[in-house]
Amino acid sequence: MSRESLPPTPASSVPTLADVARMANVSTATVSRCLNSPDQVAERTRTRVMAAVKGLGYAPNFGARALASKQTNTIGAVIPTMENAIFARGIQAFQEELGRHGYTLLVASSSYQEALEEEQIRTLTARGADGLLLIGFHRNARVYEFLKTRSVPALVAWAYDAENNTPSIGFSNKHAMVDLARIVFEKGHRHIGMISADTTANDRARDRLTGVKLAAGEAGLDVDRMPVIETTYSIECGVEAFRQIMAWTPRPTAVFCGNDVLAIGALRAAKEMGLSVPGDVSITGFDDIELASLAEPALTTVHVPHREMGRRAAGMLVDMVTKKITPKSVELQTDIRLRRTLGPPPT
């Protein structure tokens, strides 16, 4: 059917692709290319088509497109929490890069609950997510088997394991914490403690605790006597855990925190207890979220390349979806941000 022979559209109906084509004086194929592959259309034509789209209030029928292509151009991400800024920068960069590839992001939060995460993974898959971003490796094997059976590619972030069958982009939580702990021990600390997330179902927390213990062993410390408080990632829980750990005998002169949120809570508790940081006790974090540099005193922590990780994760997942490939896992580097919460032990 030629452009001239397209039938008129009743004023009350929903605008169609044909209506856009008629207004812009182009073919429906050109309109489709403008919407799906704009770089393949001349700028002048593209401008005219998009003006028609806007003028008519046209919205593509993504349901029909999904049925035809067997793709929805959506990517799902299941993150452990939305209650703090741990994942904010990485997910923001992930979404921005997906947008550049024409994909929409659907996000779910599992609240660090393994069963809820599995339910959300199944729901996102049922809703047609073309691929999934998952945080860390720890989950029941049946989840990975489910994704394999459904042919839904999954990419793990915020962790790295070259030997794991699931591709990943992230960093070694264990080695990052070893690097930080070595600096703490070089300062002379011998009485230490750690505030961690629950390590049972959180491989990132587990690896960070392992990193502290490895470095403590290198320093000749008895790791079995190191107090460890496992709690929920929140400032309030950090406050309570710090109070508990400082009641230990001998009292720690340095407290490692599994992330910056817990560390901010520890700093608040230290102030409330009348303790000087780092004069009486040193406190360290992990992640280098914005609060870390704004805290008083500024927090010594492990800097994670959140935005680079999110951006590159999006590119990897899009390739997994469109090219049907399994990419090599990518290891990113962390570094230590030495600020004012770390000093020598009190004399």
C-alpha atoms as a PDB file:
ATOM      1  CA  MET A   1       0.000   0.000   0.000  1.00  0.00           C
ATOM      2  CA  SER A   2       1.440   3.405  -0.979  1.00  0.00           C
ATOM      3  CA  ARG A   3       1.584   6.346   1.376  1.00  0.00           C
ATOM      4  CA  GLU A   4      -1.084   8.125  -0.703  1.00  0.00           C
ATOM      5  CA  SER A   5      -3.532   5.190  -0.397  1.00  0.00           C
ATOM      6  CA  LEU A   6      -3.379   4.870   3.389  1.00  0.00           C
ATOM      7  CA  PRO A   7      -6.945   5.108   4.722  1.00  0.00           C
ATOM      8  CA  PRO A   8      -7.948   8.097   6.866  1.00  0.00           C
ATOM      9  CA  THR A   9      -7.982   7.653  10.619  1.00  0.00           C
ATOM     10  CA  PRO A  10     -11.043   8.576  12.683  1.00  0.00           C
ATOM     11  CA  ALA A  11     -10.308  11.498  14.988  1.00  0.00           C
ATOM     12  CA  SER A  12     -11.292   9.528  18.079  1.00  0.00           C
ATOM     13  CA  SER A  13      -8.996   6.506  17.486  1.00  0.00           C
ATOM     14  CA  VAL A  14      -5.530   5.863  18.900  1.00  0.00           C
ATOM     15  CA  PRO A  15      -2.836   7.131  16.488  1.00  0.00           C
ATOM     16  CA  THR A  16      -1.062   4.410  14.526  1.00  0.00           C
ATOM     17  CA  LEU A  17       2.228   3.963  12.742  1.00  0.00           C
ATOM     18  CA  ALA A  18       0.399   4.672   9.491  1.00  0.00           C
ATOM     19  CA  ASP A  19      -0.845   8.002  10.862  1.00  0.00           C
ATOM     20  CA  VAL A  20       2.708   9.036  11.690  1.00  0.00           C
ATOM     21  CA  ALA A  21       3.875   7.993   8.220  1.00  0.00           C
ATOM     22  CA  ARG A  22       1.099  10.032   6.569  1.00  0.00           C
ATOM     23  CA  MET A  23       1.849  13.164   8.601  1.00  0.00           C
ATOM     24  CA  ALA A  24       5.603  12.925   7.988  1.00  0.00           C
ATOM     25  CA  ASN A  25       5.109  11.941   4.326  1.00  0.00           C
ATOM     26  CA  VAL A  26       7.287   8.838   4.647  1.00  0.00           C
ATOM     27  CA  SER A  27       6.708   5.105   4.562  1.00  0.00           C
ATOM     28  CA  THR A  28       5.738   3.100   7.630  1.00  0.00           C
ATOM     29  CA  ALA A  29       9.070   1.289   7.288  1.00  0.00           C
ATOM     30  CA  THR A  30      10.892   4.606   7.665  1.00  0.00           C
ATOM     31  CA  VAL A  31       8.877   5.428  10.796  1.00  0.00           C
ATOM     32  CA  SER A  32       9.758   2.005  12.209  1.00  0.00           C
ATOM     33  CA  ARG A  33      13.446   2.588  11.499  1.00  0.00           C
ATOM     34  CA  CYS A  34      13.313   5.991  13.191  1.00  0.00           C
ATOM     35  CA  LEU A  35      11.905   4.412  16.344  1.00  0.00           C
ATOM     36  CA  ASN A  36      14.054   1.280  16.422  1.00  0.00           C
ATOM     37  CA  SER A  37      17.301   2.266  14.667  1.00  0.00           C
ATOM     38  CA  PRO A  38      17.394   6.082  14.491  1.00  0.00           C
ATOM     39  CA  ASP A  39      21.055   6.116  13.447  1.00  0.00           C
ATOM     40  CA  GLN A  40      20.026   4.484  10.143  1.00  0.00           C
ATOM     41  CA  VAL A  41      17.781   7.404   9.138  1.00  0.00           C
ATOM     42  CA  ALA A  42      18.867  10.782   7.784  1.00  0.00           C
ATOM     43  CA  GLU A  43      18.634  13.520  10.407  1.00  0.00           C
ATOM     44  CA  ARG A  44      16.219  15.633   8.358  1.00  0.00           C
ATOM     45  CA  THR A  45      13.828  12.727   7.913  1.00  0.00           C
ATOM     46  CA  ARG A  46      14.216  11.659  11.520  1.00  0.00           C
ATOM     47  CA  THR A  47      13.368  15.155  12.737  1.00  0.00           C
ATOM     48  CA  ARG A  48      10.204  15.205  10.618  1.00  0.00           C
ATOM     49  CA  VAL A  49       9.112  11.767  11.804  1.00  0.00           C
ATOM     50  CA  MET A  50       9.711  12.528  15.480  1.00  0.00           C
ATOM     51  CA  ALA A  51       7.769  15.794  15.144  1.00  0.00           C
ATOM     52  CA  ALA A  52       4.841  13.752  13.789  1.00  0.00           C
ATOM     53  CA  VAL A  53       5.193  11.236  16.633  1.00  0.00           C
ATOM     54  CA  LYS A  54       5.042  14.056  19.151  1.00  0.00           C
ATOM     55  CA  GLY A  55       2.260  15.920  17.387  1.00  0.00           C
ATOM     56  CA  LEU A  56       0.014  12.847  17.209  1.00  0.00           C
ATOM     57  CA  GLY A  57       0.918  11.549  20.639  1.00  0.00           C
ATOM     58  CA  TYR A  58       1.884   8.222  19.091  1.00  0.00           C
ATOM     59  CA  ALA A  59       3.197   5.468  21.391  1.00  0.00           C
ATOM     60  CA  PRO A  60       4.666   2.260  19.887  1.00  0.00           C
ATOM     61  CA  ASN A  61       2.841  -0.986  20.644  1.00  0.00           C
ATOM     62  CA  PHE A  62       5.650  -2.716  22.500  1.00  0.00           C
ATOM     63  CA  GLY A  63       3.459  -5.743  23.192  1.00  0.00           C
ATOM     64  CA  ALA A  64       2.981  -6.402  19.498  1.00  0.00           C
ATOM     65  CA  ARG A  65       6.641  -5.747  18.831  1.00  0.00           C
ATOM     66  CA  ALA A  66       7.626  -8.215  21.549  1.00  0.00           C
ATOM     67  CA  LEU A  67       5.394 -10.905  20.072  1.00  0.00           C
ATOM     68  CA  ALA A  68       6.915 -10.394  16.651  1.00  0.00           C
ATOM     69  CA  SER A  69      10.563 -10.254  17.739  1.00  0.00           C
ATOM     70  CA  LYS A  70      10.333 -12.498  20.821  1.00  0.00           C
ATOM     71  CA  GLN A  71      12.100  -9.699  22.709  1.00  0.00           C
ATOM     72  CA  THR A  72      10.719  -6.977  24.969  1.00  0.00           C
ATOM     73  CA  ASN A  73      13.792  -4.731  25.029  1.00  0.00           C
ATOM     74  CA  THR A  74      13.667  -4.784  28.821  1.00  0.00           C
ATOM     75  CA  ILE A  75      16.379  -5.844  31.233  1.00  0.00           C
ATOM     76  CA  GLY A  76      15.645  -6.807  34.811  1.00  0.00           C
ATOM     77  CA  ALA A  77      17.845  -6.131  37.828  1.00  0.00           C
ATOM     78  CA  VAL A  78      17.344  -7.598  41.288  1.00  0.00           C
ATOM     79  CA  ILE A  79      19.255  -5.626  43.901  1.00  0.00           C
ATOM     80  CA  PRO A  80      19.402  -6.394  47.631  1.00  0.00           C
ATOM     81  CA  THR A  81      18.150  -3.010  48.828  1.00  0.00           C
ATOM     82  CA  MET A  82      16.890   0.423  47.806  1.00  0.00           C
ATOM     83  CA  GLU A  83      17.070   1.814  51.336  1.00  0.00           C
ATOM     84  CA  ASN A  84      20.559   3.275  51.016  1.00  0.00           C
ATOM     85  CA  ALA A  85      23.021   4.427  48.368  1.00  0.00           C
ATOM     86  CA  ILE A  86      25.131   1.250  48.113  1.00  0.00           C
ATOM     87  CA  PHE A  87      23.872   0.336  44.644  1.00  0.00           C
ATOM     88  CA  ALA A  88      22.559   3.730  43.468  1.00  0.00           C
ATOM     89  CA  ARG A  89      25.470   4.945  41.328  1.00  0.00           C
ATOM     90  CA  GLY A  90      26.058   1.585  39.675  1.00  0.00           C
ATOM     91  CA  ILE A  91      22.400   1.029  38.819  1.00  0.00           C
ATOM     92  CA  GLN A  92      22.057   4.612  37.545  1.00  0.00           C
ATOM     93  CA  ALA A  93      24.982   4.104  35.138  1.00  0.00           C
ATOM     94  CA  PHE A  94      23.550   0.698  34.187  1.00  0.00           C
ATOM     95  CA  GLN A  95      20.197   2.268  33.284  1.00  0.00           C
ATOM     96  CA  GLU A  96      21.784   5.141  31.345  1.00  0.00           C
ATOM     97  CA  GLU A  97      23.832   2.761  29.204  1.00  0.00           C
ATOM     98  CA  LEU A  98      20.855   0.455  28.622  1.00  0.00           C
ATOM     99  CA  GLY A  99      18.904   3.488  27.407  1.00  0.00           C
ATOM    100  CA  ARG A 100      21.582   4.223  24.836  1.00  0.00           C
ATOM    101  CA  HIS A 101      21.041   0.711  23.493  1.00  0.00           C
ATOM    102  CA  GLY A 102      17.256   1.127  23.413  1.00  0.00           C
ATOM    103  CA  TYR A 103      16.514  -0.989  26.488  1.00  0.00           C
ATOM    104  CA  THR A 104      14.305  -0.238  29.494  1.00  0.00           C
ATOM    105  CA  LEU A 105      15.283  -1.275  33.027  1.00  0.00           C
ATOM    106  CA  LEU A 106      12.961  -3.007  35.497  1.00  0.00           C
ATOM    107  CA  VAL A 107      14.291  -3.050  39.073  1.00  0.00           C
ATOM    108  CA  ALA A 108      13.242  -5.217  42.009  1.00  0.00           C
ATOM    109  CA  SER A 109      14.597  -5.193  45.566  1.00  0.00           C
ATOM    110  CA  SER A 110      14.941  -8.425  47.543  1.00  0.00           C
ATOM    111  CA  SER A 111      15.650  -6.895  50.984  1.00  0.00           C
ATOM    112  CA  TYR A 112      18.499  -9.419  51.296  1.00  0.00           C
ATOM    113  CA  GLN A 113      15.922 -12.245  51.378  1.00  0.00           C
ATOM    114  CA  GLU A 114      16.978 -15.245  49.326  1.00  0.00           C
ATOM    115  CA  ALA A 115      13.439 -16.592  48.786  1.00  0.00           C
ATOM    116  CA  LEU A 116      12.141 -13.160  47.740  1.00  0.00           C
ATOM    117  CA  GLU A 117      14.996 -12.729  45.279  1.00  0.00           C
ATOM    118  CA  GLU A 118      14.122 -16.073  43.656  1.00  0.00           C
ATOM    119  CA  GLU A 119      10.468 -15.025  43.371  1.00  0.00           C
ATOM    120  CA  GLN A 120      11.464 -11.713  41.777  1.00  0.00           C
ATOM    121  CA  ILE A 121      13.781 -13.430  39.291  1.00  0.00           C
ATOM    122  CA  ARG A 122      10.925 -15.717  38.231  1.00  0.00           C
ATOM    123  CA  THR A 123       8.498 -12.776  37.996  1.00  0.00           C
ATOM    124  CA  LEU A 124      10.831 -10.648  35.868  1.00  0.00           C
ATOM    125  CA  THR A 125      11.399 -13.628  33.595  1.00  0.00           C
ATOM    126  CA  ALA A 126       7.643 -14.229  33.308  1.00  0.00           C
ATOM    127  CA  ARG A 127       7.179 -10.566  32.376  1.00  0.00           C
ATOM    128  CA  GLY A 128       9.533 -11.046  29.456  1.00  0.00           C
ATOM    129  CA  ALA A 129      12.847  -9.598  30.660  1.00  0.00           C
ATOM    130  CA  ASP A 130      15.412 -10.303  27.941  1.00  0.00           C
ATOM    131  CA  GLY A 131      18.234 -10.558  30.494  1.00  0.00           C
ATOM    132  CA  LEU A 132      18.919 -10.125  34.205  1.00  0.00           C
ATOM    133  CA  LEU A 133      21.504  -8.342  36.321  1.00  0.00           C
ATOM    134  CA  LEU A 134      22.071 -10.106  39.653  1.00  0.00           C
ATOM    135  CA  ILE A 135      24.136  -9.007  42.638  1.00  0.00           C
ATOM    136  CA  GLY A 136      26.663 -11.572  43.853  1.00  0.00           C
ATOM    137  CA  PHE A 137      26.756 -15.305  43.185  1.00  0.00           C
ATOM    138  CA  HIS A 138      24.998 -16.799  46.200  1.00  0.00           C
ATOM    139  CA  ARG A 139      21.591 -18.268  45.342  1.00  0.00           C
ATOM    140  CA  ASN A 140      20.047 -21.705  45.037  1.00  0.00           C
ATOM    141  CA  ALA A 141      21.274 -23.733  42.073  1.00  0.00           C
ATOM    142  CA  ARG A 142      17.660 -24.164  40.917  1.00  0.00           C
ATOM    143  CA  VAL A 143      17.553 -20.433  40.112  1.00  0.00           C
ATOM    144  CA  TYR A 144      20.451 -20.729  37.675  1.00  0.00           C
ATOM    145  CA  GLU A 145      18.891 -23.876  36.220  1.00  0.00           C
ATOM    146  CA  PHE A 146      15.578 -22.039  35.781  1.00  0.00           C
ATOM    147  CA  LEU A 147      17.282 -19.200  33.877  1.00  0.00           C
ATOM    148  CA  LYS A 148      19.191 -21.678  31.732  1.00  0.00           C
ATOM    149  CA  THR A 149      15.996 -23.567  30.878  1.00  0.00           C
ATOM    150  CA  ARG A 150      14.249 -20.305  29.944  1.00  0.00           C
ATOM    151  CA  SER A 151      17.308 -19.144  27.925  1.00  0.00           C
ATOM    152  CA  VAL A 152      17.453 -15.895  29.895  1.00  0.00           C
ATOM    153  CA  PRO A 153      21.027 -14.592  30.120  1.00  0.00           C
ATOM    154  CA  ALA A 154      22.158 -13.469  33.577  1.00  0.00           C
ATOM    155  CA  LEU A 155      25.151 -11.369  34.568  1.00  0.00           C
ATOM    156  CA  VAL A 156      26.493 -11.075  38.118  1.00  0.00           C
ATOM    157  CA  ALA A 157      27.852  -7.731  39.353  1.00  0.00           C
ATOM    158  CA  TRP A 158      29.521  -6.449  42.531  1.00  0.00           C
ATOM    159  CA  ALA A 159      31.537  -9.676  42.592  1.00  0.00           C
ATOM    160  CA  TYR A 160      34.042 -11.454  40.370  1.00  0.00           C
ATOM    161  CA  ASP A 161      34.881 -15.108  39.873  1.00  0.00           C
ATOM    162  CA  ALA A 162      36.591 -16.176  36.655  1.00  0.00           C
ATOM    163  CA  GLU A 163      35.880 -19.839  37.413  1.00  0.00           C
ATOM    164  CA  ASN A 164      32.130 -19.492  37.904  1.00  0.00           C
ATOM    165  CA  ASN A 165      29.886 -20.546  35.013  1.00  0.00           C
ATOM    166  CA  THR A 166      27.815 -17.390  35.403  1.00  0.00           C
ATOM    167  CA  PRO A 167      29.658 -14.444  33.817  1.00  0.00           C
ATOM    168  CA  SER A 168      30.412 -11.539  36.123  1.00  0.00           C
ATOM    169  CA  ILE A 169      31.707  -8.009  36.212  1.00  0.00           C
ATOM    170  CA  GLY A 170      32.971  -6.763  39.538  1.00  0.00           C
ATOM    171  CA  PHE A 171      35.845  -7.077  41.931  1.00  0.00           C
ATOM    172  CA  SER A 172      37.280  -9.430  44.509  1.00  0.00           C
ATOM    173  CA  ASN A 173      35.630  -8.493  47.781  1.00  0.00           C
ATOM    174  CA  LYS A 174      38.146 -10.656  49.608  1.00  0.00           C
ATOM    175  CA  HIS A 175      41.258  -9.110  48.074  1.00  0.00           C
ATOM    176  CA  ALA A 176      39.884  -5.588  48.472  1.00  0.00           C
ATOM    177  CA  MET A 177      39.391  -6.151  52.193  1.00  0.00           C
ATOM    178  CA  VAL A 178      42.816  -7.778  52.543  1.00  0.00           C
ATOM    179  CA  ASP A 179      44.357  -4.612  51.087  1.00  0.00           C
ATOM    180  CA  LEU A 180      42.505  -2.400  53.566  1.00  0.00           C
ATOM    181  CA  ALA A 181      43.182  -4.645  56.557  1.00  0.00           C
ATOM    182  CA  ARG A 182      46.921  -4.764  55.858  1.00  0.00           C
ATOM    183  CA  ILE A 183      47.050  -0.976  56.125  1.00  0.00           C
ATOM    184  CA  VAL A 184      45.175  -1.124  59.436  1.00  0.00           C
ATOM    185  CA  PHE A 185      47.641  -3.659  60.830  1.00  0.00           C
ATOM    186  CA  GLU A 186      50.590  -1.638  59.547  1.00  0.00           C
ATOM    187  CA  LYS A 187      49.283   1.186  61.756  1.00  0.00           C
ATOM    188  CA  GLY A 188      49.895  -1.105  64.729  1.00  0.00           C
ATOM    189  CA  HIS A 189      46.380  -2.309  65.572  1.00  0.00           C
ATOM    190  CA  ARG A 190      46.208  -5.708  67.286  1.00  0.00           C
ATOM    191  CA  HIS A 191      42.729  -5.649  68.825  1.00  0.00           C
ATOM    192  CA  ILE A 192      40.165  -5.525  66.043  1.00  0.00           C
ATOM    193  CA  GLY A 193      36.515  -6.275  65.443  1.00  0.00           C
ATOM    194  CA  MET A 194      34.164  -6.389  62.489  1.00  0.00           C
ATOM    195  CA  ILE A 195      30.568  -5.386  61.840  1.00  0.00           C
ATOM    196  CA  SER A 196      29.281  -7.404  58.889  1.00  0.00           C
ATOM    197  CA  ALA A 197      26.120  -8.298  57.049  1.00  0.00           C
ATOM    198  CA  ASP A 198      24.750 -11.801  57.508  1.00  0.00           C
ATOM    199  CA  THR A 199      27.339 -13.997  55.793  1.00  0.00           C
ATOM    200  CA  THR A 200      25.046 -17.016  55.386  1.00  0.00           C
ATOM    201  CA  ALA A 201      23.476 -15.953  52.084  1.00  0.00           C
ATOM    202  CA  ASN A 202      25.694 -13.017  51.086  1.00  0.00           C
ATOM    203  CA  ASP A 203      28.920 -13.999  49.345  1.00  0.00           C
ATOM    204  CA  ARG A 204      30.152 -10.378  49.226  1.00  0.00           C
ATOM    205  CA  ALA A 205      29.876 -10.039  53.019  1.00  0.00           C
ATOM    206  CA  ARG A 206      31.412 -13.473  53.486  1.00  0.00           C
ATOM    207  CA  ASP A 207      34.397 -12.626  51.284  1.00  0.00           C
ATOM    208  CA  ARG A 208      34.979  -9.313  53.064  1.00  0.00           C
ATOM    209  CA  LEU A 209      35.058 -11.057  56.432  1.00  0.00           C
ATOM    210  CA  THR A 210      37.410 -13.673  54.989  1.00  0.00           C
ATOM    211  CA  GLY A 211      39.677 -10.872  53.758  1.00  0.00           C
ATOM    212  CA  VAL A 212      39.979  -9.365  57.239  1.00  0.00           C
ATOM    213  CA  LYS A 213      40.726 -12.766  58.734  1.00  0.00           C
ATOM    214  CA  LEU A 214      43.370 -13.535  56.117  1.00  0.00           C
ATOM    215  CA  ALA A 215      45.182 -10.260  56.765  1.00  0.00           C
ATOM    216  CA  ALA A 216      44.834 -10.764  60.534  1.00  0.00           C
ATOM    217  CA  GLY A 217      46.425 -14.185  60.203  1.00  0.00           C
ATOM    218  CA  GLU A 218      49.286 -12.672  58.216  1.00  0.00           C
ATOM    219  CA  ALA A 219      49.785 -10.199  61.081  1.00  0.00           C
ATOM    220  CA  GLY A 220      50.019 -13.061  63.584  1.00  0.00           C
ATOM    221  CA  LEU A 221      46.655 -12.432  65.249  1.00  0.00           C
ATOM    222  CA  ASP A 222      44.328 -15.104  66.604  1.00  0.00           C
ATOM    223  CA  VAL A 223      41.352 -14.695  64.273  1.00  0.00           C
ATOM    224  CA  ASP A 224      39.200 -16.970  66.437  1.00  0.00           C
ATOM    225  CA  ARG A 225      39.214 -14.299  69.147  1.00  0.00           C
ATOM    226  CA  MET A 226      38.155 -11.498  66.806  1.00  0.00           C
ATOM    227  CA  PRO A 227      34.638 -10.260  67.666  1.00  0.00           C
ATOM    228  CA  VAL A 228      32.269 -10.264  64.684  1.00  0.00           C
ATOM    229  CA  ILE A 229      28.759  -8.819  64.795  1.00  0.00           C
ATOM    230  CA  GLU A 230      26.500  -9.769  61.881  1.00  0.00           C
ATOM    231  CA  THR A 231      23.579  -7.434  61.331  1.00  0.00           C
ATOM    232  CA  THR A 232      21.368  -5.709  58.757  1.00  0.00           C
ATOM    233  CA  TYR A 233      22.845  -3.013  56.542  1.00  0.00           C
ATOM    234  CA  SER A 234      21.467   0.189  58.076  1.00  0.00           C
ATOM    235  CA  ILE A 235      22.828   3.132  60.042  1.00  0.00           C
ATOM    236  CA  GLU A 236      20.758   2.176  63.087  1.00  0.00           C
ATOM    237  CA  CYS A 237      22.096  -1.378  63.030  1.00  0.00           C
ATOM    238  CA  GLY A 238      25.609   0.012  62.718  1.00  0.00           C
ATOM    239  CA  VAL A 239      25.033   2.078  65.867  1.00  0.00           C
ATOM    240  CA  GLU A 240      23.829  -0.911  67.874  1.00  0.00           C
ATOM    241  CA  ALA A 241      26.514  -3.283  66.560  1.00  0.00           C
ATOM    242  CA  PHE A 242      29.285  -0.796  67.377  1.00  0.00           C
ATOM    243  CA  ARG A 243      28.041  -0.514  70.965  1.00  0.00           C
ATOM    244  CA  GLN A 244      28.076  -4.297  71.263  1.00  0.00           C
ATOM    245  CA  ILE A 245      31.538  -4.694  69.801  1.00  0.00           C
ATOM    246  CA  MET A 246      33.040  -1.975  71.999  1.00  0.00           C
ATOM    247  CA  ALA A 247      31.855  -3.892  75.077  1.00  0.00           C
ATOM    248  CA  TRP A 248      34.237  -6.700  74.124  1.00  0.00           C
ATOM    249  CA  THR A 249      37.339  -7.439  76.189  1.00  0.00           C
ATOM    250  CA  PRO A 250      39.906  -6.459  75.143  1.00  0.00           C
ATOM    251  CA  ARG A 251      38.165  -3.536  73.493  1.00  0.00           C
ATOM    252  CA  PRO A 252      38.951  -3.195  69.772  1.00  0.00           C
ATOM    253  CA  THR A 253      41.108  -0.277  68.702  1.00  0.00           C
ATOM    254  CA  ALA A 254      39.956  -0.687  65.093  1.00  0.00           C
ATOM    255  CA  VAL A 255      36.539  -1.725  63.778  1.00  0.00           C
ATOM    256  CA  PHE A 256      36.064  -2.900  60.193  1.00  0.00           C
ATOM    257  CA  CYS A 257      32.587  -2.326  58.778  1.00  0.00           C
ATOM    258  CA  GLY A 258      31.208  -4.384  55.911  1.00  0.00           C
ATOM    259  CA  ASN A 259      30.034  -1.252  54.132  1.00  0.00           C
ATOM    260  CA  ASP A 260      29.915   2.512  54.536  1.00  0.00           C
ATOM    261  CA  VAL A 261      26.337   2.530  55.840  1.00  0.00           C
ATOM    262  CA  LEU A 262      27.336   0.441  58.853  1.00  0.00           C
ATOM    263  CA  ALA A 263      30.453   2.577  59.255  1.00  0.00           C
ATOM    264  CA  ILE A 264      28.396   5.782  59.387  1.00  0.00           C
ATOM    265  CA  GLY A 265      26.343   4.158  62.135  1.00  0.00           C
ATOM    266  CA  ALA A 266      29.534   3.207  63.967  1.00  0.00           C
ATOM    267  CA  LEU A 267      30.791   6.796  63.729  1.00  0.00           C
ATOM    268  CA  ARG A 268      27.545   8.077  65.184  1.00  0.00           C
ATOM    269  CA  ALA A 269      27.706   5.575  68.042  1.00  0.00           C
ATOM    270  CA  ALA A 270      31.340   6.504  68.788  1.00  0.00           C
ATOM    271  CA  LYS A 271      30.355  10.161  69.054  1.00  0.00           C
ATOM    272  CA  GLU A 272      27.435   9.327  71.340  1.00  0.00           C
ATOM    273  CA  MET A 273      29.776   7.242  73.528  1.00  0.00           C
ATOM    274  CA  GLY A 274      32.262  10.121  73.803  1.00  0.00           C
ATOM    275  CA  LEU A 275      34.940   8.257  71.835  1.00  0.00           C
ATOM    276  CA  SER A 276      37.412  10.064  69.626  1.00  0.00           C
ATOM    277  CA  VAL A 277      37.829   8.742  66.064  1.00  0.00           C
ATOM    278  CA  PRO A 278      40.578   7.844  65.349  1.00  0.00           C
ATOM    279  CA  GLY A 279      42.126   8.782  68.713  1.00  0.00           C
ATOM    280  CA  ASP A 280      40.292   6.107  70.709  1.00  0.00           C
ATOM    281  CA  VAL A 281      39.162   3.830  67.902  1.00  0.00           C
ATOM    282  CA  SER A 282      39.626   3.658  64.154  1.00  0.00           C
ATOM    283  CA  ILE A 283      36.685   2.850  61.877  1.00  0.00           C
ATOM    284  CA  THR A 284      36.748   1.742  58.233  1.00  0.00           C
ATOM    285  CA  GLY A 285      34.047   1.157  55.642  1.00  0.00           C
ATOM    286  CA  PHE A 286      33.616  -0.370  52.202  1.00  0.00           C
ATOM    287  CA  ASP A 287      32.067   1.034  48.944  1.00  0.00           C
ATOM    288  CA  ASP A 288      32.989   4.749  49.097  1.00  0.00           C
ATOM    289  CA  ILE A 289      29.442   6.020  48.744  1.00  0.00           C
ATOM    290  CA  GLU A 290      28.992   9.794  48.810  1.00  0.00           C
ATOM    291  CA  LEU A 291      28.404   9.829  52.573  1.00  0.00           C
ATOM    292  CA  ALA A 292      31.905   8.458  53.159  1.00  0.00           C
ATOM    293  CA  SER A 293      33.665  11.681  52.189  1.00  0.00           C
ATOM    294  CA  LEU A 294      30.991  13.866  53.808  1.00  0.00           C
ATOM    295  CA  ALA A 295      31.134  12.124  57.192  1.00  0.00           C
ATOM    296  CA  GLU A 296      32.847  13.812  60.120  1.00  0.00           C
ATOM    297  CA  PRO A 297      35.561  12.690  60.294  1.00  0.00           C
ATOM    298  CA  ALA A 298      35.753  11.564  56.645  1.00  0.00           C
ATOM    299  CA  LEU A 299      35.691   7.799  56.350  1.00  0.00           C
ATOM    300  CA  THR A 300      38.584   5.576  55.311  1.00  0.00           C
ATOM    301  CA  THR A 301      37.060   3.020  52.939  1.00  0.00           C
ATOM    302  CA  VAL A 302      37.427   0.829  49.875  1.00  0.00           C
ATOM    303  CA  HIS A 303      36.540   2.696  46.686  1.00  0.00           C
ATOM    304  CA  VAL A 304      34.409   0.618  44.316  1.00  0.00           C
ATOM    305  CA  PRO A 305      34.146   1.752  40.641  1.00  0.00           C
ATOM    306  CA  HIS A 306      30.335   1.721  40.733  1.00  0.00           C
ATOM    307  CA  ARG A 307      29.637   3.727  37.588  1.00  0.00           C
ATOM    308  CA  GLU A 308      32.173   1.911  35.425  1.00  0.00           C
ATOM    309  CA  MET A 309      30.777  -1.395  36.627  1.00  0.00           C
ATOM    310  CA  GLY A 310      27.192  -0.382  35.847  1.00  0.00           C
ATOM    311  CA  ARG A 311      28.040   1.011  32.429  1.00  0.00           C
ATOM    312  CA  ARG A 312      30.063  -1.999  31.331  1.00  0.00           C
ATOM    313  CA  ALA A 313      27.536  -4.437  32.786  1.00  0.00           C
ATOM    314  CA  ALA A 314      24.848  -2.947  30.535  1.00  0.00           C
ATOM    315  CA  GLY A 315      26.994  -3.405  27.433  1.00  0.00           C
ATOM    316  CA  MET A 316      27.804  -6.978  28.389  1.00  0.00           C
ATOM    317  CA  LEU A 317      24.154  -7.898  28.996  1.00  0.00           C
ATOM    318  CA  VAL A 318      22.994  -6.327  25.737  1.00  0.00           C
ATOM    319  CA  ASP A 319      25.631  -8.388  23.899  1.00  0.00           C
ATOM    320  CA  MET A 320      24.465 -11.500  25.728  1.00  0.00           C
ATOM    321  CA  VAL A 321      20.878 -10.827  24.623  1.00  0.00           C
ATOM    322  CA  THR A 322      21.501  -9.753  21.023  1.00  0.00           C
ATOM    323  CA  LYS A 323      24.533 -11.841  20.093  1.00  0.00           C
ATOM    324  CA  LYS A 324      23.689 -14.927  22.171  1.00  0.00           C
ATOM    325  CA  ILE A 325      27.214 -15.053  23.582  1.00  0.00           C
ATOM    326  CA  THR A 326      28.633 -15.779  27.024  1.00  0.00           C
ATOM    327  CA  PRO A 327      31.276 -13.115  27.681  1.00  0.00           C
ATOM    328  CA  LYS A 328      34.412 -13.536  29.741  1.00  0.00           C
ATOM    329  CA  SER A 329      34.093 -12.269  33.287  1.00  0.00           C
ATOM    330  CA  VAL A 330      35.611  -8.835  33.884  1.00  0.00           C
ATOM    331  CA  GLU A 331      37.583  -7.945  37.009  1.00  0.00           C
ATOM    332  CA  LEU A 332      37.621  -4.293  38.018  1.00  0.00           C
ATOM    333  CA  GLN A 333      40.093  -2.779  40.448  1.00  0.00           C
ATOM    334  CA  THR A 334      39.267  -1.209  43.788  1.00  0.00           C
ATOM    335  CA  ASP A 335      41.497   1.148  45.739  1.00  0.00           C
ATOM    336  CA  ILE A 336      41.792   2.383  49.303  1.00  0.00           C
ATOM    337  CA  ARG A 337      40.665   5.900  50.176  1.00  0.00           C
ATOM    338  CA  LEU A 338      42.663   6.868  53.256  1.00  0.00           C
ATOM    339  CA  ARG A 339      40.799   9.539  55.168  1.00  0.00           C
ATOM    340  CA  ARG A 340      40.592  10.681  58.765  1.00  0.00           C
ATOM    341  CA  THR A 341      38.927   7.745  60.559  1.00  0.00           C
ATOM    342  CA  LEU A 342      42.060   5.595  60.507  1.00  0.00           C
ATOM    343  CA  GLY A 343      45.037   6.250  62.758  1.00  0.00           C
ATOM    344  CA  PRO A 344      47.389   4.359  65.075  1.00  0.00           C
ATOM    345  CA  PRO A 345      45.977   2.630  68.160  1.00  0.00           C
ATOM    346  CA  PRO A 346      45.761   4.669  71.359  1.00  0.00           C
ATOM    347  CA  THR A 347      48.861   4.470  73.557  1.00  0.00           C
END
